[in-house]
Structures are given as structure tokens and as C-alpha cells.
Amino acid sequence: MSKRIGLPVTLKMRHDAHYVETLTSFSGASIGRMIPIEKIHPNPDQPRKQIGDVRELADSIREKGVLEPLLVRYVPIEDAYYIISGERRYHASLAAGLRELPCIEKIADDAETLELALIENLQRKDLTPFEEADGLQRLADQFDYTHDDIAKKIGRARSSVTEIMSLRVIPGEVRQLCIEKGISSKSLLLQIARQPSEKKMLEMVYRIAAGGLTRDEARRARKEETESAPRPQPFTFEYDAEDGSFQIRLQFRKSHVSEEELAAALRAVLRRLESGSFSSSAA
């Protein structure tokens, strides 16, 4: 099975860069091609589902216009342009009553469009740590990227990518409680994610929420728990075929693995098998 290719490996983003600027410098495309707004459509696969309040942006657009072009791709069969980057500017421009928008047109297939949209969202400064973790995971799943690959794509250190993605071990119930309690600091969420069990995660959330636990205090509390508790056992997944013809056994280094992580691991094995990467003896 061939690996889907998105952006060229030579195209990497600095943490403070924007795709419109970077793609323009690479392609030499002219900024400011005006396209009728009725021919522009939101991306149905837009990774960021919550556009948020655009009233302030709409007011700015009424006063100053759209200062940053949208990145779009043309779909001939529909004679329409689909947004790769710039959904908020699009919705704000609609609210402001604009009839046309400045755009940069990029030739891109579905895979590259999704990758561009994902990475553009990950460049935003207002993402929550959970939104960032989910975006990075989708990038890894969709394009079979390693943490190193992702770090190069978005211009961050590999350790930063690994830390953020580790937040996905926090179960849904604990994640929701963190949101309700207003715990949004990445450093505190990391301390919660490093707890050995869901019960301990919940206890840490309540301690942080009740006493305003700092990062160092949370780290110290976790260390004390770890030193006094028995060594956690690695998580093991076992599956026996109903007819008894085979058995699957996966063992992880850590003790807590979410259903999403388990599914991702199984998909990774399947991709290796389908690509012929495993030898017959290993298979």
C-alpha cells in the first residue's frame, strides 16, 4: 500500500510563520487575486469545527478589509474554490457583507488539503492543549507521520510534540473535568496525564482545582505517589479468534492506553503488513 504524500519534505514551517507567506515565497504566486465570495466554500473536512465568535473580526474587516489572503484550491467539476486556510476570515467577511475576497490558489489533492488545514490550525496561538493534541494525533494517523516528522513539519522540537500528544492518554471524563475546572495549563495537564491510573488522574484534577496546585507541587505530588506505589505493569491487549485459529497480543511500555491509541497501534501494524515491510518469518 503506497503511503499518501502531503506537503513536500523540503517545506517546513517555523513556529512563527504562516502558510500564506511561506507558500507564496516558494511559488512566487501573486497575493490578492480577488474571487467572488459566492464561489468560495468552506472545507467540509476542516479539522477545526468551532469557528468561534467572528464579530470583532468582521468589524475589523469592514474598516480595513481582509489583510491576509485566504488559501484556496479550485475544484473544476463544481467551478468552485474550497478553503484550505482562512475559514474565520471567510465567515467574518460574509458577516461584513463583502462580495469578493483576496485569495491564493494552490493546486492540491484531498490529502494535501487536509494536511495544510491541519498544520495551519496547529500554528494558531489560541488552541487549547487538548485541541493541539487531537490535531497532532490526526496528522500522525492520516499521514503515518512519526513524532520527528511532525516536529519538522510544524517547526517545533520533537520533545514538545511528544509531550503534547501524551495528553491524549487522559480519558474523556477526566478531560471534561479539566475543562470544567478551568485547568488549561499544559504543564499541569502533563502532570495529570502522567498519573498511573484514571483514579489518580481524577484525584490530581481535584487537588489542582481545590488548592491551586502549581506545576512543581503537582510534580512533587506525583513523585511521592510513584515512590510509594507499586511499579505499574505494562498495558497488554489480547485477542483470541473465535475459531481459535490465531491470537493477537500487544504489550505497551506504559500502563494506561486509550482506545484511540490501541486502534492506532493496530492500524500501524496493518499498514506495515500491507506494505510488505514485515518478512514472512516475522508475519
Protein backbone atom coordinates (compact mmCIF):
# COMPACT_ATOMS: atom_id res chain seq x y z
CA MET A 1 0.00 0.00 0.00
CA SER A 2 1.56 3.31 -1.06
CA LYS A 3 1.95 5.98 1.53
CA ARG A 4 -0.11 9.11 0.95
CA ILE A 5 2.10 12.08 0.31
CA GLY A 6 1.16 15.52 1.52
CA LEU A 7 3.49 18.52 1.59
CA PRO A 8 6.99 18.23 0.09
CA VAL A 9 9.61 17.30 2.67
CA THR A 10 11.51 20.48 1.93
CA LEU A 11 8.58 22.63 3.04
CA LYS A 12 8.80 23.15 6.78
CA MET A 13 7.15 25.75 8.97
CA ARG A 14 8.71 27.97 11.61
CA HIS A 15 6.57 28.32 14.70
CA ASP A 16 6.01 32.00 13.88
CA ALA A 17 5.38 31.55 10.15
CA HIS A 18 2.12 31.41 8.22
CA TYR A 19 1.37 29.19 5.23
CA VAL A 20 0.24 32.03 3.00
CA GLU A 21 3.62 33.73 3.37
CA THR A 22 5.63 30.53 3.06
CA LEU A 23 3.79 29.14 0.03
CA THR A 24 3.98 32.48 -1.72
CA SER A 25 7.73 32.67 -1.22
CA PHE A 26 8.10 29.16 -2.64
CA SER A 27 5.74 29.53 -5.60
CA GLY A 28 6.10 33.17 -6.44
CA ALA A 29 2.30 33.39 -6.59
CA SER A 30 0.80 36.86 -6.51
CA ILE A 31 -1.10 37.86 -3.39
CA GLY A 32 -4.51 39.43 -3.76
CA ARG A 33 -6.33 37.66 -6.56
CA MET A 34 -9.95 38.60 -5.94
CA ILE A 35 -12.53 35.80 -6.10
CA PRO A 36 -16.32 36.30 -5.78
CA ILE A 37 -17.37 35.19 -2.31
CA GLU A 38 -20.23 33.06 -3.69
CA LYS A 39 -17.66 30.86 -5.46
CA ILE A 40 -15.75 30.20 -2.22
CA HIS A 41 -16.87 27.33 0.01
CA PRO A 42 -15.75 26.12 3.45
CA ASN A 43 -13.72 22.94 3.56
CA PRO A 44 -16.09 20.08 4.56
CA ASP A 45 -13.12 18.30 6.18
CA GLN A 46 -11.98 21.36 8.13
CA PRO A 47 -10.26 19.96 11.25
CA ARG A 48 -11.28 22.90 13.43
CA LYS A 49 -15.04 22.57 13.92
CA GLN A 50 -15.55 25.56 16.24
CA ILE A 51 -15.14 28.82 14.33
CA GLY A 52 -15.92 30.92 17.39
CA ASP A 53 -17.22 34.49 17.59
CA VAL A 54 -16.23 36.42 14.45
CA ARG A 55 -17.99 39.71 15.25
CA GLU A 56 -14.80 41.53 16.23
CA LEU A 57 -13.01 40.24 13.12
CA ALA A 58 -16.00 41.26 10.97
CA ASP A 59 -15.82 44.79 12.38
CA SER A 60 -12.10 44.95 11.56
CA ILE A 61 -12.76 43.72 8.01
CA ARG A 62 -15.46 46.35 7.49
CA GLU A 63 -12.96 49.02 8.50
CA LYS A 64 -9.72 47.76 6.94
CA GLY A 65 -10.68 44.93 4.59
CA VAL A 66 -9.16 41.43 4.52
CA LEU A 67 -5.46 41.95 5.19
CA GLU A 68 -4.40 38.31 4.84
CA PRO A 69 -5.49 36.34 1.75
CA LEU A 70 -7.29 33.02 2.02
CA LEU A 71 -5.58 29.89 0.72
CA VAL A 72 -7.94 28.01 -1.62
CA ARG A 73 -7.98 25.23 -4.18
CA TYR A 74 -10.10 25.12 -7.32
CA VAL A 75 -12.45 22.18 -7.95
CA PRO A 76 -13.29 22.27 -11.69
CA ILE A 77 -16.26 19.90 -11.56
CA GLU A 78 -18.02 22.33 -9.23
CA ASP A 79 -16.46 25.51 -10.63
CA ALA A 80 -15.83 26.49 -7.01
CA TYR A 81 -12.95 27.26 -4.67
CA TYR A 82 -12.63 25.36 -1.38
CA ILE A 83 -10.87 26.94 1.56
CA ILE A 84 -7.64 25.39 2.78
CA SER A 85 -6.78 28.16 5.22
CA GLY A 86 -8.89 31.13 6.31
CA GLU A 87 -12.29 29.87 7.45
CA ARG A 88 -12.68 32.55 10.14
CA ARG A 89 -11.80 35.30 7.65
CA TYR A 90 -14.37 33.83 5.25
CA HIS A 91 -17.19 33.75 7.81
CA ALA A 92 -16.28 37.22 9.10
CA SER A 93 -16.26 38.55 5.53
CA LEU A 94 -19.73 37.11 4.96
CA ALA A 95 -20.91 38.86 8.11
CA ALA A 96 -19.25 42.07 6.94
CA GLY A 97 -21.08 41.89 3.61
CA LEU A 98 -18.05 41.56 1.33
CA ARG A 99 -18.66 40.39 -2.24
CA GLU A 100 -15.15 39.18 -3.09
CA LEU A 101 -12.06 38.08 -1.19
CA PRO A 102 -8.29 38.15 -1.83
CA CYS A 103 -7.06 34.58 -2.29
CA ILE A 104 -4.05 32.49 -3.19
CA GLU A 105 -4.96 29.47 -5.31
CA LYS A 106 -2.98 26.30 -4.66
CA ILE A 107 -3.08 23.06 -6.63
CA ALA A 108 -3.60 20.36 -4.01
CA ASP A 109 -5.27 16.96 -3.73
CA ASP A 110 -7.52 15.90 -0.86
CA ALA A 111 -4.62 14.59 1.23
CA GLU A 112 -2.51 17.72 0.90
CA THR A 113 -5.55 19.92 1.54
CA LEU A 114 -6.22 18.12 4.82
CA GLU A 115 -2.56 18.30 5.80
CA LEU A 116 -2.38 22.02 5.07
CA ALA A 117 -5.55 22.67 7.05
CA LEU A 118 -4.32 20.61 9.99
CA ILE A 119 -0.90 22.23 10.16
CA GLU A 120 -2.31 25.72 9.63
CA ASN A 121 -4.58 25.17 12.62
CA LEU A 122 -1.66 23.90 14.68
CA GLN A 123 0.15 27.19 14.02
CA ARG A 124 -2.60 29.09 15.82
CA LYS A 125 -1.85 30.51 19.25
CA ASP A 126 -5.38 30.11 20.68
CA LEU A 127 -5.65 26.33 20.54
CA THR A 128 -6.17 24.57 23.86
CA PRO A 129 -3.64 21.84 24.71
CA PHE A 130 -6.36 19.23 24.08
CA GLU A 131 -7.19 20.67 20.64
CA GLU A 132 -3.50 20.71 19.83
CA ALA A 133 -3.04 17.11 20.95
CA ASP A 134 -6.00 15.95 18.86
CA GLY A 135 -4.71 17.82 15.81
CA LEU A 136 -1.24 16.29 16.10
CA GLN A 137 -2.72 12.82 16.52
CA ARG A 138 -4.88 13.22 13.43
CA LEU A 139 -1.82 14.36 11.49
CA ALA A 140 0.03 11.24 12.66
CA ASP A 141 -2.87 8.90 11.85
CA GLN A 142 -3.77 10.42 8.49
CA PHE A 143 -0.26 10.53 7.05
CA ASP A 144 1.58 7.87 9.06
CA TYR A 145 3.93 10.53 10.44
CA THR A 146 6.32 9.91 13.31
CA HIS A 147 6.84 12.47 16.05
CA ASP A 148 10.04 13.52 14.25
CA ASP A 149 8.12 14.05 11.00
CA ILE A 150 5.50 16.19 12.74
CA ALA A 151 8.13 18.24 14.57
CA LYS A 152 9.83 19.08 11.27
CA LYS A 153 6.54 19.95 9.59
CA ILE A 154 5.38 22.42 12.25
CA GLY A 155 8.79 23.73 13.27
CA ARG A 156 8.89 22.52 16.87
CA ALA A 157 11.13 20.31 18.96
CA ARG A 158 10.31 16.62 18.90
CA SER A 159 10.07 16.60 22.71
CA SER A 160 7.37 19.27 22.54
CA VAL A 161 5.34 17.21 20.07
CA THR A 162 5.68 14.09 22.22
CA GLU A 163 4.63 15.96 25.36
CA ILE A 164 1.51 17.44 23.77
CA MET A 165 0.47 14.13 22.22
CA SER A 166 0.83 12.41 25.59
CA LEU A 167 -2.21 14.39 26.76
CA ARG A 168 -4.36 12.02 24.70
CA VAL A 169 -3.95 9.35 27.39
CA ILE A 170 -6.26 11.45 29.57
CA PRO A 171 -9.69 9.74 29.38
CA GLY A 172 -12.74 11.68 28.22
CA GLU A 173 -14.25 12.00 31.70
CA VAL A 174 -11.03 13.41 33.14
CA ARG A 175 -10.56 15.70 30.15
CA GLN A 176 -14.06 17.12 30.57
CA LEU A 177 -13.43 17.68 34.29
CA CYS A 178 -10.22 19.58 33.47
CA ILE A 179 -12.21 21.84 31.14
CA GLU A 180 -14.95 22.39 33.74
CA LYS A 181 -12.37 23.22 36.43
CA GLY A 182 -10.54 25.62 34.15
CA ILE A 183 -7.29 23.64 34.11
CA SER A 184 -5.72 24.65 30.82
CA SER A 185 -2.01 24.91 31.64
CA LYS A 186 -0.03 22.43 29.56
CA SER A 187 2.41 21.78 32.41
CA LEU A 188 -0.39 20.91 34.84
CA LEU A 189 -2.19 18.77 32.26
CA LEU A 190 1.05 16.87 31.68
CA GLN A 191 1.25 16.08 35.39
CA ILE A 192 -2.32 14.77 35.22
CA ALA A 193 -1.53 12.66 32.13
CA ARG A 194 1.47 11.09 33.91
CA GLN A 195 -0.64 9.69 36.73
CA PRO A 196 -0.65 5.87 36.75
CA SER A 197 -4.43 5.42 36.60
CA GLU A 198 -7.67 7.24 35.82
CA LYS A 199 -8.50 7.34 39.52
CA LYS A 200 -5.20 9.06 40.28
CA MET A 201 -5.80 11.47 37.39
CA LEU A 202 -9.16 12.48 38.86
CA GLU A 203 -7.61 12.92 42.29
CA MET A 204 -4.92 15.18 40.82
CA VAL A 205 -7.53 17.28 38.99
CA TYR A 206 -9.48 17.85 42.21
CA ARG A 207 -6.30 18.70 44.12
CA ILE A 208 -5.27 21.24 41.49
CA ALA A 209 -8.76 22.74 41.33
CA ALA A 210 -9.19 22.92 45.12
CA GLY A 211 -5.80 24.20 46.14
CA GLY A 212 -4.41 25.87 43.07
CA LEU A 213 -1.61 23.33 42.86
CA THR A 214 1.39 24.67 40.92
CA ARG A 215 3.34 22.69 38.35
CA ASP A 216 6.18 21.99 40.81
CA GLU A 217 3.75 20.94 43.54
CA ALA A 218 1.90 18.65 41.13
CA ARG A 219 5.22 17.16 40.00
CA ARG A 220 6.31 16.63 43.61
CA ALA A 221 2.98 15.01 44.49
CA ARG A 222 3.29 12.68 41.52
CA LYS A 223 6.84 11.75 42.53
CA GLU A 224 5.70 10.92 46.05
CA GLU A 225 2.84 8.80 44.70
CA THR A 226 5.20 7.00 42.33
CA GLU A 227 7.77 6.26 45.03
CA SER A 228 5.17 4.89 47.46
CA ALA A 229 3.10 2.96 44.92
CA PRO A 230 3.98 -0.42 43.39
CA ARG A 231 5.60 -0.27 39.95
CA PRO A 232 2.84 -0.07 37.30
CA GLN A 233 2.54 -3.02 34.96
CA PRO A 234 2.70 -2.53 31.18
CA PHE A 235 -0.65 -2.49 29.40
CA THR A 236 -1.35 -5.68 27.44
CA PHE A 237 -4.06 -6.21 24.83
CA GLU A 238 -5.01 -9.77 23.91
CA TYR A 239 -7.45 -11.03 21.31
CA ASP A 240 -8.37 -14.65 20.54
CA ALA A 241 -10.07 -15.52 17.25
CA GLU A 242 -13.47 -17.14 17.77
CA ASP A 243 -12.38 -20.23 15.84
CA GLY A 244 -9.12 -20.44 17.77
CA SER A 245 -7.00 -20.05 14.63
CA PHE A 246 -4.90 -17.17 15.93
CA GLN A 247 -4.17 -14.92 18.88
CA ILE A 248 -3.06 -11.28 18.97
CA ARG A 249 -1.07 -9.90 21.88
CA LEU A 250 0.15 -6.31 22.08
CA GLN A 251 2.18 -5.05 25.01
CA PHE A 252 2.81 -1.35 25.59
CA ARG A 253 5.54 0.20 27.68
CA LYS A 254 3.11 2.33 29.66
CA SER A 255 0.36 1.11 31.97
CA HIS A 256 -2.54 3.17 30.62
CA VAL A 257 -3.51 3.09 26.94
CA SER A 258 -6.62 4.73 25.48
CA GLU A 259 -8.87 3.04 22.91
CA GLU A 260 -7.66 5.55 20.31
CA GLU A 261 -4.00 4.67 20.98
CA LEU A 262 -4.78 0.95 20.79
CA ALA A 263 -6.61 1.40 17.48
CA ALA A 264 -3.70 3.49 16.13
CA ALA A 265 -1.20 0.78 17.07
CA LEU A 266 -3.26 -1.91 15.32
CA ARG A 267 -3.57 0.28 12.23
CA ALA A 268 0.20 0.83 12.21
CA VAL A 269 0.78 -2.95 12.23
CA LEU A 270 -1.77 -3.40 9.44
CA ARG A 271 -0.09 -0.75 7.31
CA ARG A 272 3.28 -2.47 7.73
CA LEU A 273 1.77 -5.79 6.71
CA GLU A 274 0.00 -4.38 3.67
CA SER A 275 3.13 -2.57 2.52
CA GLY A 276 5.20 -5.75 2.75
CA SER A 277 7.52 -4.30 5.39
CA PHE A 278 7.38 -7.44 7.54
CA SER A 279 9.29 -10.53 6.49
CA SER A 280 7.36 -13.79 6.18
CA SER A 281 9.02 -15.13 9.33
CA ALA A 282 8.01 -12.04 11.32
CA ALA A 283 4.49 -12.17 9.94
